[in-house]
Amino acid sequence: MQKAKLTLAAAALITLLPMLQGCVPVIVGGAAAGVMSAHDRRSTGTQADDETTEWKAGNHVPDQYKTFSHINFTSYNRRVLITGEVPNEEAKAAIEAETRKLDGVREVYNELGIGPASSLGSRSTDSYIDSKVKARLVDSNQISANHIKVVTERAIVHLMGIVNAREAKVAVDVARTTSGVKKVVNVLEVVGDEDTRRLDDQTLGARTPPPASAPVESR
């Protein structure tokens, strides 16, 4: 029981890191951010491009839809997921069209709901579900939680990441059996086992240089 609580707390911290990074850059900008980046199967360049795409997409929402909408953009390996709520189908289509115009975007998944913007209470529940899914991914001991991006809107869990078929099955099974989840939307990018091994090897090689050899003196 204690282990589960600690794991859930750790997952909650992972969820909060993006928000904390903007408020307390001295604390988060060092080792914690570096560790998460080191376990990401995207290159650092792609990670930077994804962050830029999210920022650009947010700035390209037509002005007439901003006031009554709640819109989130999540870019992973240049594949953009749009979630949240908009007032009508016209708004949903227009926002997708603007997102598809952005340079470097490979695919767009438009999961916007039609209706009023979600309440703060609903968004708080979604954040809690995020934490529970991530904690259960850690507890499964079958997949690195850093390889899965969890995005929850209205208790609908969206899964992103670069994974092999086995990892995709584990992630989906964990998400769909987590309490409070109404539905799982699978937008994982599934590649072969050799590809995930290659990406992991490249990531570790790029982030962990070999130790310097100590000098040897013969007597």
N, C-alpha and C. Protein backbone atom coordinates (compact mmCIF):
# COMPACT_ATOMS: atom_id res chain seq x y z
N MET A 1 0.84 -1.21 0.00
CA MET A 1 0.00 0.00 0.00
C MET A 1 0.87 1.25 0.00
N GLN A 2 1.93 1.21 0.86
CA GLN A 2 2.83 2.35 0.93
C GLN A 2 3.54 2.57 -0.39
N LYS A 3 3.95 1.47 -1.04
CA LYS A 3 4.62 1.56 -2.33
C LYS A 3 3.73 2.22 -3.36
N ALA A 4 2.44 1.82 -3.37
CA ALA A 4 1.51 2.39 -4.35
C ALA A 4 1.35 3.88 -4.14
N LYS A 5 1.32 4.30 -2.84
CA LYS A 5 1.17 5.73 -2.56
C LYS A 5 2.39 6.51 -3.04
N LEU A 6 3.58 5.94 -2.81
CA LEU A 6 4.80 6.61 -3.25
C LEU A 6 4.87 6.70 -4.76
N THR A 7 4.46 5.61 -5.43
CA THR A 7 4.47 5.62 -6.89
C THR A 7 3.51 6.64 -7.44
N LEU A 8 2.32 6.73 -6.83
CA LEU A 8 1.33 7.70 -7.28
C LEU A 8 1.85 9.11 -7.07
N ALA A 9 2.52 9.35 -5.95
CA ALA A 9 3.08 10.69 -5.69
C ALA A 9 4.14 11.04 -6.72
N ALA A 10 4.97 10.06 -7.08
CA ALA A 10 6.00 10.31 -8.08
C ALA A 10 5.38 10.63 -9.43
N ALA A 11 4.33 9.88 -9.79
CA ALA A 11 3.67 10.14 -11.07
C ALA A 11 3.01 11.50 -11.07
N ALA A 12 2.44 11.89 -9.94
CA ALA A 12 1.83 13.22 -9.84
C ALA A 12 2.87 14.30 -10.05
N LEU A 13 4.08 14.10 -9.50
CA LEU A 13 5.15 15.07 -9.69
C LEU A 13 5.52 15.18 -11.15
N ILE A 14 5.57 14.04 -11.86
CA ILE A 14 5.87 14.05 -13.29
C ILE A 14 4.83 14.88 -14.03
N THR A 15 3.54 14.71 -13.65
CA THR A 15 2.47 15.46 -14.29
C THR A 15 2.64 16.95 -14.07
N LEU A 16 3.13 17.34 -12.88
CA LEU A 16 3.23 18.76 -12.54
C LEU A 16 4.49 19.42 -13.07
N LEU A 17 5.48 18.64 -13.52
CA LEU A 17 6.74 19.21 -13.93
C LEU A 17 6.62 20.30 -14.99
N PRO A 18 5.78 20.12 -16.07
CA PRO A 18 5.67 21.18 -17.06
C PRO A 18 5.19 22.48 -16.45
N MET A 19 4.25 22.42 -15.48
CA MET A 19 3.75 23.65 -14.87
C MET A 19 4.79 24.26 -13.95
N LEU A 20 5.51 23.40 -13.21
CA LEU A 20 6.52 23.90 -12.29
C LEU A 20 7.70 24.51 -13.03
N GLN A 21 7.96 24.01 -14.22
CA GLN A 21 9.12 24.47 -14.95
C GLN A 21 9.02 25.96 -15.26
N GLY A 22 7.79 26.42 -15.57
CA GLY A 22 7.62 27.82 -15.87
C GLY A 22 7.71 28.68 -14.63
N CYS A 23 7.35 28.13 -13.45
CA CYS A 23 7.32 28.92 -12.22
C CYS A 23 8.64 28.86 -11.47
N VAL A 24 9.31 27.70 -11.50
CA VAL A 24 10.52 27.54 -10.71
C VAL A 24 11.62 26.95 -11.59
N PRO A 25 12.13 27.73 -12.55
CA PRO A 25 13.09 27.18 -13.50
C PRO A 25 14.39 26.72 -12.85
N VAL A 26 14.76 27.32 -11.73
CA VAL A 26 16.02 26.93 -11.10
C VAL A 26 15.94 25.51 -10.57
N ILE A 27 14.79 25.11 -10.05
CA ILE A 27 14.63 23.78 -9.46
C ILE A 27 14.47 22.72 -10.53
N VAL A 28 13.61 22.97 -11.52
CA VAL A 28 13.24 21.93 -12.47
C VAL A 28 14.15 21.93 -13.70
N GLY A 29 14.77 23.04 -13.98
CA GLY A 29 15.51 23.15 -15.22
C GLY A 29 16.78 22.33 -15.27
N GLY A 30 17.17 21.69 -14.17
CA GLY A 30 18.41 20.95 -14.16
C GLY A 30 18.23 19.46 -14.29
N ALA A 31 18.52 18.73 -13.20
CA ALA A 31 18.58 17.28 -13.27
C ALA A 31 17.27 16.64 -13.64
N ALA A 32 16.14 17.09 -13.06
CA ALA A 32 14.85 16.42 -13.31
C ALA A 32 14.49 16.48 -14.77
N ALA A 33 14.58 17.67 -15.37
CA ALA A 33 14.24 17.80 -16.79
C ALA A 33 15.20 16.99 -17.64
N GLY A 34 16.48 16.96 -17.25
CA GLY A 34 17.46 16.20 -18.02
C GLY A 34 17.19 14.72 -18.00
N VAL A 35 16.78 14.19 -16.85
CA VAL A 35 16.48 12.76 -16.74
C VAL A 35 15.31 12.39 -17.63
N MET A 36 14.25 13.20 -17.61
CA MET A 36 13.08 12.89 -18.44
C MET A 36 13.45 12.94 -19.90
N SER A 37 14.24 13.94 -20.30
CA SER A 37 14.65 14.06 -21.70
C SER A 37 15.49 12.86 -22.11
N ALA A 38 16.33 12.38 -21.19
CA ALA A 38 17.22 11.27 -21.52
C ALA A 38 16.46 9.98 -21.79
N HIS A 39 15.25 9.85 -21.27
CA HIS A 39 14.48 8.63 -21.47
C HIS A 39 13.41 8.81 -22.54
N ASP A 40 13.48 9.88 -23.29
CA ASP A 40 12.53 10.15 -24.36
C ASP A 40 13.07 9.58 -25.66
N ARG A 41 12.25 8.85 -26.40
CA ARG A 41 12.70 8.24 -27.64
C ARG A 41 12.79 9.25 -28.79
N ARG A 42 12.31 10.45 -28.57
CA ARG A 42 12.50 11.50 -29.56
C ARG A 42 13.88 12.13 -29.38
N SER A 43 14.46 12.62 -30.45
CA SER A 43 15.70 13.38 -30.32
C SER A 43 15.41 14.70 -29.62
N THR A 44 16.44 15.32 -29.08
CA THR A 44 16.23 16.61 -28.42
C THR A 44 15.72 17.64 -29.41
N GLY A 45 16.14 17.54 -30.67
CA GLY A 45 15.66 18.46 -31.70
C GLY A 45 14.17 18.29 -31.94
N THR A 46 13.72 17.04 -32.00
CA THR A 46 12.30 16.77 -32.21
C THR A 46 11.48 17.23 -31.00
N GLN A 47 12.01 17.02 -29.80
CA GLN A 47 11.31 17.50 -28.61
C GLN A 47 11.12 19.01 -28.66
N ALA A 48 12.17 19.72 -29.07
CA ALA A 48 12.08 21.18 -29.18
C ALA A 48 11.06 21.58 -30.25
N ASP A 49 11.08 20.86 -31.38
CA ASP A 49 10.12 21.14 -32.46
C ASP A 49 8.69 20.92 -31.98
N ASP A 50 8.48 19.85 -31.20
CA ASP A 50 7.13 19.57 -30.70
C ASP A 50 6.65 20.68 -29.77
N GLU A 51 7.53 21.18 -28.91
CA GLU A 51 7.14 22.27 -28.02
C GLU A 51 6.80 23.53 -28.82
N THR A 52 7.59 23.79 -29.85
CA THR A 52 7.33 24.96 -30.70
C THR A 52 6.01 24.81 -31.43
N THR A 53 5.73 23.60 -31.92
CA THR A 53 4.47 23.35 -32.63
C THR A 53 3.27 23.60 -31.72
N GLU A 54 3.35 23.14 -30.47
CA GLU A 54 2.25 23.36 -29.52
C GLU A 54 2.00 24.85 -29.32
N TRP A 55 3.08 25.60 -29.19
CA TRP A 55 2.98 27.05 -28.99
C TRP A 55 2.36 27.72 -30.23
N LYS A 56 2.85 27.34 -31.40
CA LYS A 56 2.32 27.93 -32.64
C LYS A 56 0.85 27.57 -32.84
N ALA A 57 0.49 26.34 -32.57
CA ALA A 57 -0.90 25.91 -32.75
C ALA A 57 -1.83 26.72 -31.86
N GLY A 58 -1.41 26.95 -30.62
CA GLY A 58 -2.22 27.75 -29.71
C GLY A 58 -2.42 29.18 -30.21
N ASN A 59 -1.39 29.71 -30.85
CA ASN A 59 -1.47 31.07 -31.37
C ASN A 59 -2.23 31.17 -32.69
N HIS A 60 -2.52 30.02 -33.31
CA HIS A 60 -3.24 30.03 -34.59
C HIS A 60 -4.72 29.70 -34.44
N VAL A 61 -5.21 29.63 -33.22
CA VAL A 61 -6.65 29.44 -33.03
C VAL A 61 -7.38 30.71 -33.45
N PRO A 62 -8.33 30.63 -34.37
CA PRO A 62 -9.06 31.84 -34.79
C PRO A 62 -9.67 32.58 -33.61
N ASP A 63 -9.55 33.91 -33.63
CA ASP A 63 -9.98 34.73 -32.50
C ASP A 63 -11.43 34.50 -32.09
N GLN A 64 -12.29 34.26 -33.08
CA GLN A 64 -13.72 34.15 -32.77
C GLN A 64 -14.06 32.90 -31.95
N TYR A 65 -13.11 31.96 -31.84
CA TYR A 65 -13.40 30.73 -31.10
C TYR A 65 -12.71 30.67 -29.74
N LYS A 66 -11.85 31.62 -29.44
CA LYS A 66 -11.05 31.54 -28.22
C LYS A 66 -11.87 31.72 -26.95
N THR A 67 -12.82 32.64 -26.96
CA THR A 67 -13.53 33.00 -25.73
C THR A 67 -14.34 31.85 -25.15
N PHE A 68 -15.02 31.09 -26.00
CA PHE A 68 -15.94 30.06 -25.51
C PHE A 68 -15.37 28.65 -25.68
N SER A 69 -14.07 28.55 -25.85
CA SER A 69 -13.46 27.24 -26.08
C SER A 69 -12.39 26.93 -25.04
N HIS A 70 -12.12 25.65 -24.90
CA HIS A 70 -11.01 25.17 -24.08
C HIS A 70 -10.25 24.19 -24.96
N ILE A 71 -9.04 24.58 -25.38
CA ILE A 71 -8.34 23.81 -26.42
C ILE A 71 -6.91 23.52 -25.95
N ASN A 72 -6.50 22.28 -26.10
CA ASN A 72 -5.13 21.87 -25.80
C ASN A 72 -4.50 21.22 -27.02
N PHE A 73 -3.24 21.53 -27.25
CA PHE A 73 -2.48 20.92 -28.34
C PHE A 73 -1.32 20.14 -27.73
N THR A 74 -1.20 18.89 -28.13
CA THR A 74 -0.10 18.05 -27.67
C THR A 74 0.60 17.48 -28.90
N SER A 75 1.86 17.85 -29.07
CA SER A 75 2.62 17.37 -30.23
C SER A 75 3.64 16.34 -29.76
N TYR A 76 3.67 15.20 -30.41
CA TYR A 76 4.63 14.15 -30.07
C TYR A 76 5.16 13.55 -31.37
N ASN A 77 6.45 13.74 -31.59
CA ASN A 77 7.10 13.28 -32.81
C ASN A 77 6.41 13.85 -34.05
N ARG A 78 6.04 15.14 -33.95
CA ARG A 78 5.42 15.91 -35.03
C ARG A 78 4.01 15.43 -35.39
N ARG A 79 3.39 14.70 -34.48
CA ARG A 79 1.99 14.30 -34.63
C ARG A 79 1.19 15.06 -33.58
N VAL A 80 0.20 15.83 -34.00
CA VAL A 80 -0.48 16.76 -33.09
C VAL A 80 -1.86 16.23 -32.71
N LEU A 81 -2.09 16.17 -31.41
CA LEU A 81 -3.39 15.81 -30.84
C LEU A 81 -4.08 17.07 -30.35
N ILE A 82 -5.33 17.29 -30.80
CA ILE A 82 -6.11 18.45 -30.36
C ILE A 82 -7.23 17.94 -29.46
N THR A 83 -7.26 18.43 -28.22
CA THR A 83 -8.30 18.02 -27.28
C THR A 83 -8.94 19.25 -26.64
N GLY A 84 -10.07 19.01 -25.98
CA GLY A 84 -10.78 20.11 -25.33
C GLY A 84 -12.20 20.21 -25.83
N GLU A 85 -12.77 21.41 -25.73
CA GLU A 85 -14.16 21.62 -26.12
C GLU A 85 -14.31 22.91 -26.93
N VAL A 86 -15.10 22.84 -27.96
CA VAL A 86 -15.42 24.01 -28.80
C VAL A 86 -16.93 24.07 -28.99
N PRO A 87 -17.47 25.26 -29.34
CA PRO A 87 -18.94 25.40 -29.38
C PRO A 87 -19.64 24.69 -30.52
N ASN A 88 -18.95 24.43 -31.64
CA ASN A 88 -19.64 23.84 -32.79
C ASN A 88 -18.66 23.15 -33.73
N GLU A 89 -19.23 22.45 -34.73
CA GLU A 89 -18.41 21.72 -35.69
C GLU A 89 -17.57 22.66 -36.56
N GLU A 90 -18.09 23.85 -36.83
CA GLU A 90 -17.35 24.83 -37.63
C GLU A 90 -16.03 25.19 -36.94
N ALA A 91 -16.12 25.43 -35.64
CA ALA A 91 -14.91 25.76 -34.88
C ALA A 91 -13.93 24.59 -34.88
N LYS A 92 -14.44 23.39 -34.69
CA LYS A 92 -13.61 22.19 -34.68
C LYS A 92 -12.85 22.04 -35.99
N ALA A 93 -13.55 22.22 -37.11
CA ALA A 93 -12.92 22.07 -38.43
C ALA A 93 -11.91 23.18 -38.69
N ALA A 94 -12.24 24.41 -38.29
CA ALA A 94 -11.35 25.55 -38.55
C ALA A 94 -10.04 25.41 -37.77
N ILE A 95 -10.13 24.96 -36.53
CA ILE A 95 -8.93 24.80 -35.71
C ILE A 95 -8.04 23.69 -36.26
N GLU A 96 -8.65 22.61 -36.72
CA GLU A 96 -7.86 21.54 -37.34
C GLU A 96 -7.16 22.04 -38.60
N ALA A 97 -7.88 22.79 -39.42
CA ALA A 97 -7.31 23.30 -40.67
C ALA A 97 -6.10 24.19 -40.41
N GLU A 98 -6.19 25.05 -39.40
CA GLU A 98 -5.08 25.93 -39.07
C GLU A 98 -3.88 25.12 -38.56
N THR A 99 -4.15 24.08 -37.81
CA THR A 99 -3.07 23.25 -37.27
C THR A 99 -2.34 22.52 -38.39
N ARG A 100 -3.07 22.04 -39.37
CA ARG A 100 -2.46 21.31 -40.47
C ARG A 100 -1.56 22.19 -41.32
N LYS A 101 -1.71 23.50 -41.24
CA LYS A 101 -0.89 24.42 -42.02
C LYS A 101 0.50 24.61 -41.42
N LEU A 102 0.71 24.21 -40.18
CA LEU A 102 1.98 24.46 -39.50
C LEU A 102 3.09 23.62 -40.10
N ASP A 103 4.26 24.22 -40.25
CA ASP A 103 5.42 23.52 -40.80
C ASP A 103 5.82 22.35 -39.90
N GLY A 104 6.13 21.23 -40.55
CA GLY A 104 6.66 20.09 -39.82
C GLY A 104 5.64 19.14 -39.24
N VAL A 105 4.36 19.49 -39.30
CA VAL A 105 3.32 18.63 -38.73
C VAL A 105 3.06 17.45 -39.67
N ARG A 106 3.23 16.23 -39.16
CA ARG A 106 3.03 15.03 -39.98
C ARG A 106 1.59 14.55 -39.98
N GLU A 107 0.91 14.69 -38.84
CA GLU A 107 -0.45 14.20 -38.72
C GLU A 107 -1.18 15.00 -37.64
N VAL A 108 -2.50 15.10 -37.79
CA VAL A 108 -3.32 15.80 -36.81
C VAL A 108 -4.46 14.88 -36.39
N TYR A 109 -4.66 14.74 -35.08
CA TYR A 109 -5.75 13.96 -34.53
C TYR A 109 -6.69 14.92 -33.80
N ASN A 110 -7.83 15.15 -34.40
CA ASN A 110 -8.78 16.13 -33.87
C ASN A 110 -9.79 15.43 -32.96
N GLU A 111 -9.56 15.52 -31.66
CA GLU A 111 -10.44 14.88 -30.68
C GLU A 111 -11.22 15.92 -29.87
N LEU A 112 -11.44 17.08 -30.45
CA LEU A 112 -12.21 18.13 -29.78
C LEU A 112 -13.66 17.67 -29.58
N GLY A 113 -14.21 17.98 -28.42
CA GLY A 113 -15.61 17.71 -28.15
C GLY A 113 -16.45 18.95 -28.44
N ILE A 114 -17.70 18.74 -28.78
CA ILE A 114 -18.62 19.85 -29.05
C ILE A 114 -19.45 20.12 -27.80
N GLY A 115 -19.32 21.34 -27.27
CA GLY A 115 -20.06 21.67 -26.06
C GLY A 115 -19.37 22.77 -25.28
N PRO A 116 -19.89 23.12 -24.12
CA PRO A 116 -19.27 24.17 -23.31
C PRO A 116 -17.90 23.76 -22.79
N ALA A 117 -17.07 24.73 -22.51
CA ALA A 117 -15.74 24.45 -21.97
C ALA A 117 -15.85 23.72 -20.63
N SER A 118 -14.98 22.77 -20.41
CA SER A 118 -15.02 21.98 -19.18
C SER A 118 -14.75 22.86 -17.96
N SER A 119 -15.28 22.45 -16.82
CA SER A 119 -15.10 23.20 -15.58
C SER A 119 -13.72 22.93 -14.99
N LEU A 120 -13.31 23.76 -14.04
CA LEU A 120 -12.05 23.54 -13.35
C LEU A 120 -12.07 22.22 -12.58
N GLY A 121 -13.24 21.87 -12.05
CA GLY A 121 -13.36 20.60 -11.34
C GLY A 121 -13.12 19.42 -12.25
N SER A 122 -13.68 19.50 -13.47
CA SER A 122 -13.49 18.43 -14.45
C SER A 122 -12.02 18.31 -14.84
N ARG A 123 -11.35 19.45 -15.00
CA ARG A 123 -9.94 19.42 -15.38
C ARG A 123 -9.07 18.87 -14.25
N SER A 124 -9.45 19.17 -13.02
CA SER A 124 -8.73 18.62 -11.88
C SER A 124 -8.86 17.10 -11.84
N THR A 125 -10.06 16.61 -12.12
CA THR A 125 -10.28 15.16 -12.17
C THR A 125 -9.44 14.54 -13.28
N ASP A 126 -9.37 15.20 -14.42
CA ASP A 126 -8.56 14.71 -15.53
C ASP A 126 -7.09 14.60 -15.14
N SER A 127 -6.58 15.61 -14.42
CA SER A 127 -5.18 15.57 -13.97
C SER A 127 -4.94 14.40 -13.03
N TYR A 128 -5.93 14.13 -12.18
CA TYR A 128 -5.81 13.01 -11.25
C TYR A 128 -5.79 11.68 -12.01
N ILE A 129 -6.63 11.58 -13.03
CA ILE A 129 -6.64 10.36 -13.85
C ILE A 129 -5.29 10.20 -14.54
N ASP A 130 -4.73 11.29 -15.07
CA ASP A 130 -3.38 11.24 -15.65
C ASP A 130 -2.40 10.60 -14.68
N SER A 131 -2.42 11.08 -13.44
CA SER A 131 -1.49 10.59 -12.42
C SER A 131 -1.70 9.11 -12.15
N LYS A 132 -2.95 8.69 -12.08
CA LYS A 132 -3.24 7.28 -11.80
C LYS A 132 -2.75 6.38 -12.94
N VAL A 133 -2.98 6.81 -14.18
CA VAL A 133 -2.53 6.00 -15.32
C VAL A 133 -1.01 5.89 -15.31
N LYS A 134 -0.33 7.00 -15.08
CA LYS A 134 1.14 6.98 -15.07
C LYS A 134 1.67 6.12 -13.93
N ALA A 135 1.02 6.21 -12.78
CA ALA A 135 1.45 5.39 -11.64
C ALA A 135 1.29 3.91 -11.95
N ARG A 136 0.20 3.55 -12.60
CA ARG A 136 -0.04 2.15 -12.92
C ARG A 136 0.90 1.66 -14.02
N LEU A 137 1.31 2.55 -14.91
CA LEU A 137 2.32 2.18 -15.91
C LEU A 137 3.63 1.85 -15.22
N VAL A 138 4.00 2.65 -14.22
CA VAL A 138 5.21 2.38 -13.44
C VAL A 138 5.08 1.05 -12.72
N ASP A 139 3.96 0.83 -12.07
CA ASP A 139 3.74 -0.40 -11.29
C ASP A 139 3.73 -1.65 -12.16
N SER A 140 3.38 -1.50 -13.43
CA SER A 140 3.31 -2.67 -14.32
C SER A 140 4.68 -3.29 -14.55
N ASN A 141 5.74 -2.49 -14.42
CA ASN A 141 7.11 -2.97 -14.66
C ASN A 141 7.29 -3.58 -16.05
N GLN A 142 6.45 -3.16 -16.99
CA GLN A 142 6.52 -3.70 -18.35
C GLN A 142 6.83 -2.63 -19.39
N ILE A 143 6.82 -1.38 -18.96
CA ILE A 143 7.02 -0.30 -19.91
C ILE A 143 7.48 0.94 -19.15
N SER A 144 8.33 1.72 -19.78
CA SER A 144 8.76 2.97 -19.15
C SER A 144 7.66 4.02 -19.31
N ALA A 145 7.25 4.61 -18.19
CA ALA A 145 6.21 5.64 -18.25
C ALA A 145 6.68 6.85 -19.06
N ASN A 146 8.00 7.03 -19.20
CA ASN A 146 8.51 8.15 -19.99
C ASN A 146 8.31 7.95 -21.49
N HIS A 147 7.96 6.74 -21.90
CA HIS A 147 7.72 6.48 -23.32
C HIS A 147 6.26 6.71 -23.71
N ILE A 148 5.42 7.03 -22.72
CA ILE A 148 4.00 7.22 -22.98
C ILE A 148 3.57 8.62 -22.56
N LYS A 149 2.91 9.32 -23.44
CA LYS A 149 2.32 10.62 -23.14
C LYS A 149 0.84 10.41 -22.88
N VAL A 150 0.39 10.78 -21.68
CA VAL A 150 -1.01 10.59 -21.29
C VAL A 150 -1.71 11.95 -21.29
N VAL A 151 -2.78 12.06 -22.06
CA VAL A 151 -3.56 13.30 -22.13
C VAL A 151 -5.02 12.95 -21.84
N THR A 152 -5.56 13.50 -20.76
CA THR A 152 -6.93 13.18 -20.38
C THR A 152 -7.83 14.39 -20.50
N GLU A 153 -8.96 14.24 -21.17
CA GLU A 153 -9.97 15.29 -21.31
C GLU A 153 -11.35 14.66 -21.08
N ARG A 154 -12.10 15.19 -20.13
CA ARG A 154 -13.45 14.70 -19.83
C ARG A 154 -13.43 13.20 -19.52
N ALA A 155 -12.37 12.77 -18.82
CA ALA A 155 -12.17 11.38 -18.42
C ALA A 155 -11.90 10.45 -19.60
N ILE A 156 -11.60 11.02 -20.76
CA ILE A 156 -11.18 10.25 -21.93
C ILE A 156 -9.66 10.31 -22.00
N VAL A 157 -9.02 9.16 -21.94
CA VAL A 157 -7.56 9.10 -21.92
C VAL A 157 -7.02 8.89 -23.34
N HIS A 158 -6.13 9.78 -23.74
CA HIS A 158 -5.46 9.68 -25.04
C HIS A 158 -4.02 9.27 -24.80
N LEU A 159 -3.54 8.29 -25.55
CA LEU A 159 -2.18 7.79 -25.37
C LEU A 159 -1.34 8.11 -26.59
N MET A 160 -0.18 8.75 -26.36
CA MET A 160 0.77 9.05 -27.43
C MET A 160 2.13 8.48 -27.05
N GLY A 161 2.99 8.33 -28.04
CA GLY A 161 4.33 7.84 -27.77
C GLY A 161 4.84 6.98 -28.91
N ILE A 162 6.12 6.66 -28.85
CA ILE A 162 6.74 5.76 -29.84
C ILE A 162 6.99 4.44 -29.13
N VAL A 163 6.27 3.40 -29.51
CA VAL A 163 6.31 2.13 -28.79
C VAL A 163 6.27 0.96 -29.76
N ASN A 164 6.62 -0.22 -29.26
CA ASN A 164 6.42 -1.43 -30.06
C ASN A 164 5.05 -2.02 -29.74
N ALA A 165 4.69 -3.08 -30.41
CA ALA A 165 3.34 -3.63 -30.26
C ALA A 165 3.07 -4.10 -28.83
N ARG A 166 4.05 -4.73 -28.20
CA ARG A 166 3.86 -5.21 -26.83
C ARG A 166 3.62 -4.04 -25.88
N GLU A 167 4.42 -3.00 -26.02
CA GLU A 167 4.28 -1.83 -25.16
C GLU A 167 2.94 -1.14 -25.37
N ALA A 168 2.50 -1.10 -26.62
CA ALA A 168 1.20 -0.48 -26.92
C ALA A 168 0.08 -1.23 -26.21
N LYS A 169 0.14 -2.55 -26.26
CA LYS A 169 -0.90 -3.36 -25.60
C LYS A 169 -0.91 -3.13 -24.09
N VAL A 170 0.28 -3.07 -23.49
CA VAL A 170 0.38 -2.83 -22.05
C VAL A 170 -0.22 -1.48 -21.70
N ALA A 171 0.15 -0.45 -22.46
CA ALA A 171 -0.32 0.91 -22.17
C ALA A 171 -1.84 1.00 -22.29
N VAL A 172 -2.39 0.41 -23.34
CA VAL A 172 -3.84 0.46 -23.54
C VAL A 172 -4.55 -0.31 -22.43
N ASP A 173 -4.03 -1.49 -22.08
CA ASP A 173 -4.66 -2.29 -21.03
C ASP A 173 -4.64 -1.57 -19.68
N VAL A 174 -3.51 -0.92 -19.38
CA VAL A 174 -3.41 -0.17 -18.13
C VAL A 174 -4.41 0.98 -18.11
N ALA A 175 -4.47 1.72 -19.20
CA ALA A 175 -5.36 2.89 -19.25
C ALA A 175 -6.83 2.50 -19.15
N ARG A 176 -7.24 1.47 -19.88
CA ARG A 176 -8.66 1.13 -19.93
C ARG A 176 -9.16 0.48 -18.64
N THR A 177 -8.23 0.00 -17.81
CA THR A 177 -8.63 -0.62 -16.54
C THR A 177 -8.38 0.30 -15.34
N THR A 178 -8.07 1.56 -15.61
CA THR A 178 -7.87 2.53 -14.53
C THR A 178 -9.21 3.13 -14.14
N SER A 179 -9.48 3.18 -12.85
CA SER A 179 -10.78 3.68 -12.38
C SER A 179 -10.97 5.14 -12.79
N GLY A 180 -12.20 5.45 -13.22
CA GLY A 180 -12.53 6.81 -13.63
C GLY A 180 -12.39 7.07 -15.11
N VAL A 181 -11.74 6.17 -15.83
CA VAL A 181 -11.54 6.35 -17.28
C VAL A 181 -12.80 5.93 -18.03
N LYS A 182 -13.34 6.84 -18.84
CA LYS A 182 -14.54 6.53 -19.63
C LYS A 182 -14.22 5.88 -20.96
N LYS A 183 -13.10 6.28 -21.54
CA LYS A 183 -12.74 5.75 -22.86
C LYS A 183 -11.25 5.96 -23.07
N VAL A 184 -10.63 5.12 -23.91
CA VAL A 184 -9.22 5.28 -24.26
C VAL A 184 -9.12 5.52 -25.76
N VAL A 185 -8.41 6.56 -26.14
CA VAL A 185 -8.15 6.86 -27.56
C VAL A 185 -6.67 6.57 -27.81
N ASN A 186 -6.40 5.59 -28.65
CA ASN A 186 -5.04 5.14 -28.91
C ASN A 186 -4.47 5.86 -30.13
N VAL A 187 -3.55 6.78 -29.89
CA VAL A 187 -2.84 7.45 -31.00
C VAL A 187 -1.34 7.18 -30.88
N LEU A 188 -1.01 6.01 -30.33
CA LEU A 188 0.39 5.61 -30.22
C LEU A 188 1.00 5.36 -31.59
N GLU A 189 2.27 5.69 -31.73
CA GLU A 189 3.00 5.40 -32.96
C GLU A 189 3.73 4.08 -32.76
N VAL A 190 3.21 3.02 -33.38
CA VAL A 190 3.74 1.67 -33.15
C VAL A 190 4.80 1.35 -34.20
N VAL A 191 5.99 1.00 -33.72
CA VAL A 191 7.10 0.64 -34.60
C VAL A 191 7.59 -0.76 -34.20
N GLY A 192 8.54 -1.29 -34.94
CA GLY A 192 9.05 -2.63 -34.65
C GLY A 192 9.95 -2.67 -33.44
N ASP A 193 10.18 -3.87 -32.93
CA ASP A 193 11.05 -4.05 -31.76
C ASP A 193 12.45 -3.53 -32.02
N GLU A 194 12.96 -3.78 -33.22
CA GLU A 194 14.31 -3.33 -33.55
C GLU A 194 14.38 -1.81 -33.54
N ASP A 195 13.30 -1.16 -33.96
CA ASP A 195 13.29 0.30 -33.99
C ASP A 195 13.32 0.87 -32.57
N THR A 196 12.55 0.29 -31.66
CA THR A 196 12.56 0.80 -30.28
C THR A 196 13.92 0.56 -29.63
N ARG A 197 14.53 -0.59 -29.92
CA ARG A 197 15.88 -0.85 -29.37
C ARG A 197 16.88 0.15 -29.92
N ARG A 198 16.79 0.43 -31.21
CA ARG A 198 17.71 1.39 -31.82
C ARG A 198 17.53 2.78 -31.23
N LEU A 199 16.26 3.19 -31.07
CA LEU A 199 15.99 4.51 -30.49
C LEU A 199 16.49 4.59 -29.06
N ASP A 200 16.31 3.53 -28.28
CA ASP A 200 16.79 3.52 -26.90
C ASP A 200 18.31 3.58 -26.85
N ASP A 201 18.96 2.82 -27.75
CA ASP A 201 20.42 2.83 -27.78
C ASP A 201 20.95 4.21 -28.17
N GLN A 202 20.30 4.84 -29.16
CA GLN A 202 20.73 6.17 -29.58
C GLN A 202 20.55 7.18 -28.47
N THR A 203 19.42 7.08 -27.76
CA THR A 203 19.15 8.02 -26.67
C THR A 203 20.17 7.89 -25.56
N LEU A 204 20.45 6.66 -25.15
CA LEU A 204 21.41 6.44 -24.07
C LEU A 204 22.81 6.84 -24.50
N GLY A 205 23.14 6.54 -25.77
CA GLY A 205 24.47 6.90 -26.26
C GLY A 205 24.68 8.39 -26.34
N ALA A 206 23.59 9.11 -26.70
CA ALA A 206 23.70 10.56 -26.84
C ALA A 206 23.78 11.24 -25.49
N ARG A 207 23.12 10.66 -24.46
CA ARG A 207 23.04 11.34 -23.18
C ARG A 207 24.10 10.86 -22.18
N THR A 208 24.66 9.64 -22.40
CA THR A 208 25.58 9.09 -21.42
C THR A 208 26.92 8.79 -22.08
N PRO A 209 27.83 9.76 -22.13
CA PRO A 209 29.12 9.53 -22.74
C PRO A 209 29.93 8.52 -21.93
N PRO A 210 30.78 7.75 -22.58
CA PRO A 210 31.58 6.76 -21.84
C PRO A 210 32.51 7.46 -20.87
N PRO A 211 32.80 6.85 -19.72
CA PRO A 211 33.68 7.49 -18.75
C PRO A 211 35.11 7.60 -19.30
N ALA A 212 35.78 8.65 -18.87
CA ALA A 212 37.15 8.84 -19.33
C ALA A 212 38.04 7.76 -18.72
N SER A 213 39.00 7.28 -19.50
CA SER A 213 39.89 6.23 -19.02
C SER A 213 40.92 6.82 -18.06
N ALA A 214 41.14 6.12 -16.99
CA ALA A 214 42.16 6.57 -16.02
C ALA A 214 43.55 6.23 -16.54
N PRO A 215 44.51 7.08 -16.24
CA PRO A 215 45.89 6.78 -16.69
C PRO A 215 46.45 5.57 -15.95
N VAL A 216 47.33 4.85 -16.61
CA VAL A 216 47.96 3.66 -16.03
C VAL A 216 49.46 3.86 -15.98
N GLU A 217 50.05 3.62 -14.84
CA GLU A 217 51.51 3.69 -14.69
C GLU A 217 52.06 2.32 -14.40
N SER A 218 53.02 1.91 -15.18
CA SER A 218 53.68 0.62 -14.96
C SER A 218 54.87 0.78 -14.04
N ARG A 219 55.02 -0.13 -13.11
CA ARG A 219 56.13 -0.07 -12.15
C ARG A 219 57.15 -1.16 -12.45
